[in-house]
Amino acid sequence: MAESAIPYRHYEPSLLEPVYPQRTRHLEDLAVLLTSKAGQLTRGLHPIVLRSLGAWLYRT
């Protein structure tokens, strides 16, 4: 078996904390913009595609 070019290192999950960025007005504005753009994108899709996506997203 070939040796990996990048050695594996074990990381403790606690080193990832805090995972969330600081809440700022700028990030909130970007989140609203992202939601708006996503809505615009879905309005341009064909109804059959939308139904297929809905079935895929909400399957049980």
Protein backbone atom coordinates (compact mmCIF):
# COMPACT_ATOMS: atom_id res chain seq x y z
CA MET A 1 0.00 0.00 0.00
CA ALA A 2 1.36 3.46 -0.93
CA GLU A 3 2.15 5.87 1.82
CA SER A 4 -0.02 8.99 2.01
CA ALA A 5 1.63 12.27 0.95
CA ILE A 6 -0.09 14.04 3.85
CA PRO A 7 0.26 12.34 7.23
CA TYR A 8 -2.95 11.73 9.15
CA ARG A 9 -3.32 13.73 12.32
CA HIS A 10 -5.94 13.10 14.96
CA TYR A 11 -7.82 16.23 15.98
CA GLU A 12 -10.02 16.58 19.00
CA PRO A 13 -13.51 17.96 18.21
CA SER A 14 -13.11 20.45 21.06
CA LEU A 15 -10.40 22.19 19.00
CA LEU A 16 -13.13 23.26 16.57
CA GLU A 17 -15.00 25.29 19.16
CA PRO A 18 -16.39 27.84 18.75
CA VAL A 19 -17.74 26.62 15.43
CA TYR A 20 -20.10 29.51 14.83
CA PRO A 21 -18.86 32.88 13.59
CA GLN A 22 -19.63 35.95 15.62
CA ARG A 23 -23.12 37.18 14.83
CA THR A 24 -22.95 40.50 13.02
CA ARG A 25 -25.34 42.66 11.06
CA HIS A 26 -23.29 41.99 7.91
CA LEU A 27 -23.73 38.19 8.23
CA GLU A 28 -27.44 38.62 8.86
CA ASP A 29 -27.74 40.76 5.73
CA LEU A 30 -25.87 38.10 3.72
CA ALA A 31 -28.21 35.40 5.04
CA VAL A 32 -31.25 37.41 3.93
CA LEU A 33 -29.68 38.00 0.52
CA LEU A 34 -28.90 34.28 0.14
CA THR A 35 -32.49 33.36 0.97
CA SER A 36 -33.79 35.91 -1.53
CA LYS A 37 -31.48 34.68 -4.31
CA ALA A 38 -32.44 31.06 -3.63
CA GLY A 39 -36.10 32.02 -3.99
CA GLN A 40 -35.38 33.77 -7.29
CA LEU A 41 -33.57 30.68 -8.54
CA THR A 42 -36.49 28.35 -7.81
CA ARG A 43 -38.97 30.68 -9.52
CA GLY A 44 -37.10 30.12 -12.79
CA LEU A 45 -37.34 26.33 -12.66
CA HIS A 46 -39.79 24.29 -14.71
CA PRO A 47 -42.74 22.96 -12.64
CA ILE A 48 -41.73 19.34 -13.30
CA VAL A 49 -38.26 20.03 -11.92
CA LEU A 50 -39.76 21.73 -8.87
CA ARG A 51 -42.02 18.74 -8.19
CA SER A 52 -39.06 16.38 -8.52
CA LEU A 53 -36.97 18.47 -6.14
CA GLY A 54 -39.85 18.67 -3.68
CA ALA A 55 -40.30 14.91 -3.78
CA TRP A 56 -36.57 14.43 -3.20
CA LEU A 57 -36.33 16.97 -0.38
CA TYR A 58 -39.41 15.83 1.51
CA ARG A 59 -39.18 12.06 1.07
CA THR A 60 -39.73 10.08 4.21
